[in-house]
Amino acid sequence: MSRFNPSNYTVTEAKPLPVILLLDTSSSMGVELPTENGQRKTRIDALNEAVESMINTFVQQAKVETAINLAIVKFGATVEFHLTYDPNTGSVYKNVLDLQWHPVKESGSTPLNTALRMTKDFLEDKAITPSKGYKPTVILISDGQPNNGWEEPLNAFVNSGRSSKCNRIAMAIGAGGHEEVLRKFIVNQDENPEYQKLYVAEDATEIHKFFQFVTMSVTATTEKNVTDNVEDNTQKVTPSLALDEDDVF
């Protein structure tokens, strides 16, 4: 009797890595910034270019058996998902290979409170963000003081439920009172010292550098996942994004 059984040879699926951007699209994002070539560019234009570059890298990574799930929440005149990997909401994309960036526009105030509540509900839903993947990485970018009522949603996001287990990264565009708010978003991450720093961008180049850091952190994790799926004794140093065996997201 043959011992060969084709069912023993299955392809291991890459663990999904959720990445969620919270983008401030308030009217102040229309303020101009200096660029490295001496010209001027609005904050929103620099942000759009940096996000598009990151997405292009994610698409390339998807071609080598990675599984990045990207969602983008914009908060300004409205609070809504600009992109989502939720299969139940008519996503802009169904697969990272289908990602195409449609620029966001600046308008309105800074309703961070609503954006945090919506993102938390999104993360708490295991049907949308299952426990089998890597810890989600949540990136918050803002250039101004948020509307009143941000304290309670931010405290809940950082200290309770599944959202408290996420890796959190923040960048302030320009200096101001919003920096202290963003610092509260990245507290309590003892195991992730690389994310405890608040990044501050005063020009377009620094916005791009921040997104290069985010891209490198995310792709390092997905590359490790591919390496772990083959017989390779080479070890890679990557940011601590993966869940511990006893830490179920």
C-alpha atoms as a PDB file:
ATOM      1  CA  MET A   1       0.000   0.000   0.000  1.00  0.00           C
ATOM      2  CA  SER A   2       1.355   3.400  -0.953  1.00  0.00           C
ATOM      3  CA  ARG A   3       2.423   5.687   1.856  1.00  0.00           C
ATOM      4  CA  PHE A   4       2.232   8.746  -0.352  1.00  0.00           C
ATOM      5  CA  ASN A   5      -0.662  11.042   0.531  1.00  0.00           C
ATOM      6  CA  PRO A   6      -0.970  14.352  -1.378  1.00  0.00           C
ATOM      7  CA  SER A   7      -3.026  15.848   1.472  1.00  0.00           C
ATOM      8  CA  ASN A   8       0.123  15.896   3.617  1.00  0.00           C
ATOM      9  CA  TYR A   9       1.589  18.624   1.413  1.00  0.00           C
ATOM     10  CA  THR A  10      -0.351  21.766   2.065  1.00  0.00           C
ATOM     11  CA  VAL A  11       0.789  25.348   1.723  1.00  0.00           C
ATOM     12  CA  THR A  12       1.038  27.235   4.986  1.00  0.00           C
ATOM     13  CA  GLU A  13      -0.893  30.481   4.790  1.00  0.00           C
ATOM     14  CA  ALA A  14       0.849  33.628   5.910  1.00  0.00           C
ATOM     15  CA  LYS A  15      -0.519  35.088   9.111  1.00  0.00           C
ATOM     16  CA  PRO A  16      -2.385  38.318   8.422  1.00  0.00           C
ATOM     17  CA  LEU A  17      -0.895  41.543   9.761  1.00  0.00           C
ATOM     18  CA  PRO A  18      -3.526  44.270  10.180  1.00  0.00           C
ATOM     19  CA  VAL A  19      -2.247  47.814   9.683  1.00  0.00           C
ATOM     20  CA  ILE A  20      -4.623  50.670  10.482  1.00  0.00           C
ATOM     21  CA  LEU A  21      -3.901  54.322   9.745  1.00  0.00           C
ATOM     22  CA  LEU A  22      -5.821  57.118  11.456  1.00  0.00           C
ATOM     23  CA  LEU A  23      -5.316  60.180   9.274  1.00  0.00           C
ATOM     24  CA  ASP A  24      -6.176  63.706  10.363  1.00  0.00           C
ATOM     25  CA  THR A  25      -7.788  65.386   7.334  1.00  0.00           C
ATOM     26  CA  SER A  26      -8.863  68.604   9.052  1.00  0.00           C
ATOM     27  CA  SER A  27      -8.675  71.989   7.318  1.00  0.00           C
ATOM     28  CA  SER A  28      -5.298  72.784   8.893  1.00  0.00           C
ATOM     29  CA  MET A  29      -3.761  69.989   6.810  1.00  0.00           C
ATOM     30  CA  GLY A  30      -3.922  72.487   3.948  1.00  0.00           C
ATOM     31  CA  VAL A  31      -1.080  74.483   5.542  1.00  0.00           C
ATOM     32  CA  GLU A  32       2.078  74.510   3.445  1.00  0.00           C
ATOM     33  CA  LEU A  33       5.345  72.859   4.474  1.00  0.00           C
ATOM     34  CA  PRO A  34       8.894  73.352   3.179  1.00  0.00           C
ATOM     35  CA  THR A  35      10.427  70.575   1.083  1.00  0.00           C
ATOM     36  CA  GLU A  36      14.055  69.527   0.675  1.00  0.00           C
ATOM     37  CA  ASN A  37      14.273  71.263  -2.716  1.00  0.00           C
ATOM     38  CA  GLY A  38      13.157  74.590  -1.262  1.00  0.00           C
ATOM     39  CA  GLN A  39       9.644  74.498  -2.669  1.00  0.00           C
ATOM     40  CA  ARG A  40       6.366  74.363  -0.727  1.00  0.00           C
ATOM     41  CA  LYS A  41       3.872  71.539  -0.359  1.00  0.00           C
ATOM     42  CA  THR A  42       0.734  71.246   1.740  1.00  0.00           C
ATOM     43  CA  ARG A  43       0.644  68.868   4.675  1.00  0.00           C
ATOM     44  CA  ILE A  44      -2.116  66.829   3.042  1.00  0.00           C
ATOM     45  CA  ASP A  45      -0.160  66.508  -0.228  1.00  0.00           C
ATOM     46  CA  ALA A  46       2.943  65.308   1.610  1.00  0.00           C
ATOM     47  CA  LEU A  47       0.802  62.844   3.581  1.00  0.00           C
ATOM     48  CA  ASN A  48      -0.872  61.496   0.445  1.00  0.00           C
ATOM     49  CA  GLU A  49       2.472  60.952  -1.276  1.00  0.00           C
ATOM     50  CA  ALA A  50       3.932  59.169   1.760  1.00  0.00           C
ATOM     51  CA  VAL A  51       0.918  56.869   2.163  1.00  0.00           C
ATOM     52  CA  GLU A  52       0.945  56.026  -1.557  1.00  0.00           C
ATOM     53  CA  SER A  53       4.633  55.091  -1.355  1.00  0.00           C
ATOM     54  CA  MET A  54       3.927  52.826   1.621  1.00  0.00           C
ATOM     55  CA  ILE A  55       1.050  51.128  -0.202  1.00  0.00           C
ATOM     56  CA  ASN A  56       3.249  50.502  -3.254  1.00  0.00           C
ATOM     57  CA  THR A  57       5.721  48.700  -0.995  1.00  0.00           C
ATOM     58  CA  PHE A  58       2.926  46.646   0.582  1.00  0.00           C
ATOM     59  CA  VAL A  59       1.756  45.590  -2.880  1.00  0.00           C
ATOM     60  CA  GLN A  60       5.264  44.398  -3.729  1.00  0.00           C
ATOM     61  CA  GLN A  61       5.426  42.475  -0.442  1.00  0.00           C
ATOM     62  CA  ALA A  62       2.110  40.796  -1.235  1.00  0.00           C
ATOM     63  CA  LYS A  63       3.741  39.243  -4.280  1.00  0.00           C
ATOM     64  CA  VAL A  64       6.057  37.240  -2.003  1.00  0.00           C
ATOM     65  CA  GLU A  65       3.335  35.528  -0.001  1.00  0.00           C
ATOM     66  CA  THR A  66       2.720  38.091   2.692  1.00  0.00           C
ATOM     67  CA  ALA A  67      -0.653  39.056   4.114  1.00  0.00           C
ATOM     68  CA  ILE A  68      -0.933  42.728   5.027  1.00  0.00           C
ATOM     69  CA  ASN A  69      -4.472  43.869   5.797  1.00  0.00           C
ATOM     70  CA  LEU A  70      -4.619  47.645   5.455  1.00  0.00           C
ATOM     71  CA  ALA A  71      -7.390  49.903   6.729  1.00  0.00           C
ATOM     72  CA  ILE A  72      -7.414  53.700   6.728  1.00  0.00           C
ATOM     73  CA  VAL A  73      -9.686  55.894   8.827  1.00  0.00           C
ATOM     74  CA  LYS A  74      -9.846  59.571   7.920  1.00  0.00           C
ATOM     75  CA  PHE A  75     -11.178  62.122  10.379  1.00  0.00           C
ATOM     76  CA  GLY A  76     -12.024  65.692   9.440  1.00  0.00           C
ATOM     77  CA  ALA A  77     -15.344  66.940   8.078  1.00  0.00           C
ATOM     78  CA  THR A  78     -16.430  63.289   8.330  1.00  0.00           C
ATOM     79  CA  VAL A  79     -15.111  60.176  10.054  1.00  0.00           C
ATOM     80  CA  GLU A  80     -15.078  57.153   7.785  1.00  0.00           C
ATOM     81  CA  PHE A  81     -13.010  54.301   6.407  1.00  0.00           C
ATOM     82  CA  HIS A  82     -11.139  55.451   3.329  1.00  0.00           C
ATOM     83  CA  LEU A  83      -9.961  51.849   2.919  1.00  0.00           C
ATOM     84  CA  THR A  84     -10.952  48.736   4.834  1.00  0.00           C
ATOM     85  CA  TYR A  85     -10.227  45.024   4.780  1.00  0.00           C
ATOM     86  CA  ASP A  86     -13.674  44.276   6.256  1.00  0.00           C
ATOM     87  CA  PRO A  87     -15.245  41.857   3.735  1.00  0.00           C
ATOM     88  CA  ASN A  88     -18.742  42.841   4.848  1.00  0.00           C
ATOM     89  CA  THR A  89     -18.645  46.519   3.978  1.00  0.00           C
ATOM     90  CA  GLY A  90     -17.973  46.633   0.252  1.00  0.00           C
ATOM     91  CA  SER A  91     -14.264  47.216   0.738  1.00  0.00           C
ATOM     92  CA  VAL A  92     -12.322  49.381  -1.646  1.00  0.00           C
ATOM     93  CA  TYR A  93     -10.110  46.331  -2.089  1.00  0.00           C
ATOM     94  CA  LYS A  94     -10.414  42.599  -1.439  1.00  0.00           C
ATOM     95  CA  ASN A  95      -6.718  41.807  -1.714  1.00  0.00           C
ATOM     96  CA  VAL A  96      -3.648  43.924  -1.062  1.00  0.00           C
ATOM     97  CA  LEU A  97      -2.621  43.354  -4.684  1.00  0.00           C
ATOM     98  CA  ASP A  98      -5.676  45.367  -5.694  1.00  0.00           C
ATOM     99  CA  LEU A  99      -4.740  48.394  -3.609  1.00  0.00           C
ATOM    100  CA  GLN A 100      -4.809  51.752  -5.327  1.00  0.00           C
ATOM    101  CA  TRP A 101      -4.415  54.977  -3.410  1.00  0.00           C
ATOM    102  CA  HIS A 102      -7.062  57.663  -3.790  1.00  0.00           C
ATOM    103  CA  PRO A 103      -5.802  60.868  -2.130  1.00  0.00           C
ATOM    104  CA  VAL A 104      -7.619  62.271   0.881  1.00  0.00           C
ATOM    105  CA  LYS A 105      -8.620  65.947   1.028  1.00  0.00           C
ATOM    106  CA  GLU A 106      -8.535  68.392   3.912  1.00  0.00           C
ATOM    107  CA  SER A 107     -11.760  69.748   5.399  1.00  0.00           C
ATOM    108  CA  GLY A 108     -13.410  70.298   8.753  1.00  0.00           C
ATOM    109  CA  SER A 109     -12.229  69.978  12.334  1.00  0.00           C
ATOM    110  CA  THR A 110     -10.387  67.198  14.238  1.00  0.00           C
ATOM    111  CA  PRO A 111     -12.911  64.619  15.576  1.00  0.00           C
ATOM    112  CA  LEU A 112     -10.320  62.234  17.000  1.00  0.00           C
ATOM    113  CA  ASN A 113     -12.832  61.008  19.588  1.00  0.00           C
ATOM    114  CA  THR A 114     -15.137  59.529  16.941  1.00  0.00           C
ATOM    115  CA  ALA A 115     -12.223  58.080  14.964  1.00  0.00           C
ATOM    116  CA  LEU A 116     -10.902  56.267  18.049  1.00  0.00           C
ATOM    117  CA  ARG A 117     -14.303  54.843  18.942  1.00  0.00           C
ATOM    118  CA  MET A 118     -14.899  53.587  15.413  1.00  0.00           C
ATOM    119  CA  THR A 119     -11.428  52.052  15.140  1.00  0.00           C
ATOM    120  CA  LYS A 120     -11.775  50.362  18.529  1.00  0.00           C
ATOM    121  CA  ASP A 121     -15.106  48.798  17.547  1.00  0.00           C
ATOM    122  CA  PHE A 122     -13.454  47.602  14.333  1.00  0.00           C
ATOM    123  CA  LEU A 123     -10.623  45.929  16.264  1.00  0.00           C
ATOM    124  CA  GLU A 124     -12.882  44.381  18.887  1.00  0.00           C
ATOM    125  CA  ASP A 125     -14.843  42.508  16.197  1.00  0.00           C
ATOM    126  CA  LYS A 126     -13.120  39.122  15.828  1.00  0.00           C
ATOM    127  CA  ALA A 127     -15.009  38.428  12.613  1.00  0.00           C
ATOM    128  CA  ILE A 128     -13.155  41.342  11.006  1.00  0.00           C
ATOM    129  CA  THR A 129      -9.823  41.142  12.832  1.00  0.00           C
ATOM    130  CA  PRO A 130      -9.362  37.510  13.920  1.00  0.00           C
ATOM    131  CA  SER A 131      -7.039  36.332  16.668  1.00  0.00           C
ATOM    132  CA  LYS A 132      -4.955  34.116  14.382  1.00  0.00           C
ATOM    133  CA  GLY A 133      -2.839  36.940  12.978  1.00  0.00           C
ATOM    134  CA  TYR A 134      -0.162  39.301  14.180  1.00  0.00           C
ATOM    135  CA  LYS A 135      -0.936  42.103  16.571  1.00  0.00           C
ATOM    136  CA  PRO A 136      -2.464  44.956  14.605  1.00  0.00           C
ATOM    137  CA  THR A 137      -0.341  48.048  14.172  1.00  0.00           C
ATOM    138  CA  VAL A 138      -2.263  51.307  14.563  1.00  0.00           C
ATOM    139  CA  ILE A 139      -0.681  54.542  13.313  1.00  0.00           C
ATOM    140  CA  LEU A 140      -2.118  57.920  14.336  1.00  0.00           C
ATOM    141  CA  ILE A 141      -1.169  61.093  12.433  1.00  0.00           C
ATOM    142  CA  SER A 142      -2.504  64.510  13.396  1.00  0.00           C
ATOM    143  CA  ASP A 143      -1.534  68.178  13.064  1.00  0.00           C
ATOM    144  CA  GLY A 144      -3.766  69.870  15.598  1.00  0.00           C
ATOM    145  CA  GLN A 145      -5.601  69.827  18.893  1.00  0.00           C
ATOM    146  CA  PRO A 146      -8.581  67.431  18.676  1.00  0.00           C
ATOM    147  CA  ASN A 147     -12.201  68.335  19.337  1.00  0.00           C
ATOM    148  CA  ASN A 148     -13.437  68.145  22.911  1.00  0.00           C
ATOM    149  CA  GLY A 149     -14.266  64.732  24.321  1.00  0.00           C
ATOM    150  CA  TRP A 150     -11.162  62.848  23.170  1.00  0.00           C
ATOM    151  CA  GLU A 151      -9.984  61.804  26.649  1.00  0.00           C
ATOM    152  CA  GLU A 152     -12.401  58.950  27.340  1.00  0.00           C
ATOM    153  CA  PRO A 153     -12.164  57.292  23.891  1.00  0.00           C
ATOM    154  CA  LEU A 154      -8.373  57.520  23.949  1.00  0.00           C
ATOM    155  CA  ASN A 155      -8.158  56.066  27.454  1.00  0.00           C
ATOM    156  CA  ALA A 156     -10.442  53.179  26.460  1.00  0.00           C
ATOM    157  CA  PHE A 157      -8.432  52.515  23.296  1.00  0.00           C
ATOM    158  CA  VAL A 158      -5.108  52.362  25.142  1.00  0.00           C
ATOM    159  CA  ASN A 159      -6.146  50.597  28.340  1.00  0.00           C
ATOM    160  CA  SER A 160      -9.007  48.188  27.665  1.00  0.00           C
ATOM    161  CA  GLY A 161     -10.009  45.374  25.340  1.00  0.00           C
ATOM    162  CA  ARG A 162      -8.236  44.116  22.258  1.00  0.00           C
ATOM    163  CA  SER A 163      -7.210  47.590  21.123  1.00  0.00           C
ATOM    164  CA  SER A 164      -4.920  47.870  24.165  1.00  0.00           C
ATOM    165  CA  LYS A 165      -2.823  44.971  22.790  1.00  0.00           C
ATOM    166  CA  CYS A 166      -2.115  46.704  19.477  1.00  0.00           C
ATOM    167  CA  ASN A 167       1.195  48.239  18.562  1.00  0.00           C
ATOM    168  CA  ARG A 168       0.642  51.994  18.457  1.00  0.00           C
ATOM    169  CA  ILE A 169       2.730  54.565  16.578  1.00  0.00           C
ATOM    170  CA  ALA A 170       2.091  58.307  16.399  1.00  0.00           C
ATOM    171  CA  MET A 171       3.339  61.294  14.417  1.00  0.00           C
ATOM    172  CA  ALA A 172       2.606  64.960  15.074  1.00  0.00           C
ATOM    173  CA  ILE A 173       2.718  67.222  12.046  1.00  0.00           C
ATOM    174  CA  GLY A 174       3.916  70.564  13.332  1.00  0.00           C
ATOM    175  CA  ALA A 175       4.356  71.540  16.968  1.00  0.00           C
ATOM    176  CA  GLY A 176       1.494  72.409  19.298  1.00  0.00           C
ATOM    177  CA  GLY A 177      -0.800  71.169  22.034  1.00  0.00           C
ATOM    178  CA  HIS A 178      -1.694  68.065  20.040  1.00  0.00           C
ATOM    179  CA  GLU A 179       1.704  66.540  20.811  1.00  0.00           C
ATOM    180  CA  GLU A 180       0.677  65.763  24.398  1.00  0.00           C
ATOM    181  CA  VAL A 181      -2.494  64.058  23.136  1.00  0.00           C
ATOM    182  CA  LEU A 182      -0.474  61.873  20.784  1.00  0.00           C
ATOM    183  CA  ARG A 183       1.940  60.949  23.565  1.00  0.00           C
ATOM    184  CA  LYS A 184      -0.990  59.566  25.532  1.00  0.00           C
ATOM    185  CA  PHE A 185      -1.786  57.336  22.546  1.00  0.00           C
ATOM    186  CA  ILE A 186       1.612  55.580  22.629  1.00  0.00           C
ATOM    187  CA  VAL A 187       1.965  54.926  26.388  1.00  0.00           C
ATOM    188  CA  ASN A 188       2.107  51.466  28.029  1.00  0.00           C
ATOM    189  CA  GLN A 189       4.197  49.760  25.347  1.00  0.00           C
ATOM    190  CA  ASP A 190       7.113  48.479  27.425  1.00  0.00           C
ATOM    191  CA  GLU A 191       7.906  45.662  25.002  1.00  0.00           C
ATOM    192  CA  ASN A 192       8.033  48.012  22.016  1.00  0.00           C
ATOM    193  CA  PRO A 193      10.538  50.781  22.789  1.00  0.00           C
ATOM    194  CA  GLU A 194      10.720  51.721  19.110  1.00  0.00           C
ATOM    195  CA  TYR A 195       7.091  52.863  19.327  1.00  0.00           C
ATOM    196  CA  GLN A 196       7.341  54.857  22.559  1.00  0.00           C
ATOM    197  CA  LYS A 197       8.824  57.842  20.758  1.00  0.00           C
ATOM    198  CA  LEU A 198       6.523  60.521  19.380  1.00  0.00           C
ATOM    199  CA  TYR A 199       7.639  61.418  15.880  1.00  0.00           C
ATOM    200  CA  VAL A 200       7.309  65.096  14.957  1.00  0.00           C
ATOM    201  CA  ALA A 201       7.407  66.280  11.337  1.00  0.00           C
ATOM    202  CA  GLU A 202       8.097  69.931  10.564  1.00  0.00           C
ATOM    203  CA  ASP A 203       8.514  69.466   6.827  1.00  0.00           C
ATOM    204  CA  ALA A 204       7.503  67.153   3.976  1.00  0.00           C
ATOM    205  CA  THR A 205      10.736  65.142   4.145  1.00  0.00           C
ATOM    206  CA  GLU A 206      10.137  64.181   7.778  1.00  0.00           C
ATOM    207  CA  ILE A 207       6.648  62.918   6.897  1.00  0.00           C
ATOM    208  CA  HIS A 208       8.167  60.653   4.263  1.00  0.00           C
ATOM    209  CA  LYS A 209      10.846  59.438   6.689  1.00  0.00           C
ATOM    210  CA  PHE A 210       8.188  58.547   9.242  1.00  0.00           C
ATOM    211  CA  PHE A 211       6.290  56.434   6.732  1.00  0.00           C
ATOM    212  CA  GLN A 212       9.531  54.774   5.655  1.00  0.00           C
ATOM    213  CA  PHE A 213       9.998  53.724   9.290  1.00  0.00           C
ATOM    214  CA  VAL A 214       6.435  52.365   9.424  1.00  0.00           C
ATOM    215  CA  THR A 215       6.918  50.518   6.139  1.00  0.00           C
ATOM    216  CA  MET A 216      10.182  48.944   7.291  1.00  0.00           C
ATOM    217  CA  SER A 217       8.608  47.815  10.571  1.00  0.00           C
ATOM    218  CA  VAL A 218       5.655  46.184   8.831  1.00  0.00           C
ATOM    219  CA  THR A 219       7.591  44.560   5.996  1.00  0.00           C
ATOM    220  CA  ALA A 220      10.219  43.219   8.427  1.00  0.00           C
ATOM    221  CA  THR A 221       7.459  41.274  10.128  1.00  0.00           C
ATOM    222  CA  THR A 222       6.006  39.900   6.903  1.00  0.00           C
ATOM    223  CA  GLU A 223       9.472  38.906   5.663  1.00  0.00           C
ATOM    224  CA  LYS A 224      10.035  37.011   8.908  1.00  0.00           C
ATOM    225  CA  ASN A 225       6.746  35.209   8.348  1.00  0.00           C
ATOM    226  CA  VAL A 226       7.881  34.046   4.914  1.00  0.00           C
ATOM    227  CA  THR A 227      11.229  32.915   6.343  1.00  0.00           C
ATOM    228  CA  ASP A 228       9.498  30.932   9.076  1.00  0.00           C
ATOM    229  CA  ASN A 229       7.521  29.002   6.466  1.00  0.00           C
ATOM    230  CA  VAL A 230      10.629  27.417   4.959  1.00  0.00           C
ATOM    231  CA  GLU A 231      13.462  25.376   6.441  1.00  0.00           C
ATOM    232  CA  ASP A 232      15.963  28.109   7.194  1.00  0.00           C
ATOM    233  CA  ASN A 233      18.114  28.442  10.289  1.00  0.00           C
ATOM    234  CA  THR A 234      18.807  32.124   9.593  1.00  0.00           C
ATOM    235  CA  GLN A 235      17.346  34.396  12.257  1.00  0.00           C
ATOM    236  CA  LYS A 236      16.204  37.928  11.521  1.00  0.00           C
ATOM    237  CA  VAL A 237      15.814  40.742  14.012  1.00  0.00           C
ATOM    238  CA  THR A 238      12.370  42.288  13.597  1.00  0.00           C
ATOM    239  CA  PRO A 239      10.157  44.597  15.630  1.00  0.00           C
ATOM    240  CA  SER A 240       8.119  42.805  18.279  1.00  0.00           C
ATOM    241  CA  LEU A 241       4.845  42.720  16.353  1.00  0.00           C
ATOM    242  CA  ALA A 242       3.948  39.037  16.702  1.00  0.00           C
ATOM    243  CA  LEU A 243       1.690  37.712  19.425  1.00  0.00           C
ATOM    244  CA  ASP A 244       3.209  35.579  22.141  1.00  0.00           C
ATOM    245  CA  GLU A 245       1.874  32.023  22.255  1.00  0.00           C
ATOM    246  CA  ASP A 246      -0.095  32.769  25.411  1.00  0.00           C
ATOM    247  CA  ASP A 247      -1.207  36.230  24.310  1.00  0.00           C
ATOM    248  CA  VAL A 248      -4.337  35.830  22.219  1.00  0.00           C
ATOM    249  CA  PHE A 249      -5.403  38.988  20.484  1.00  0.00           C
END
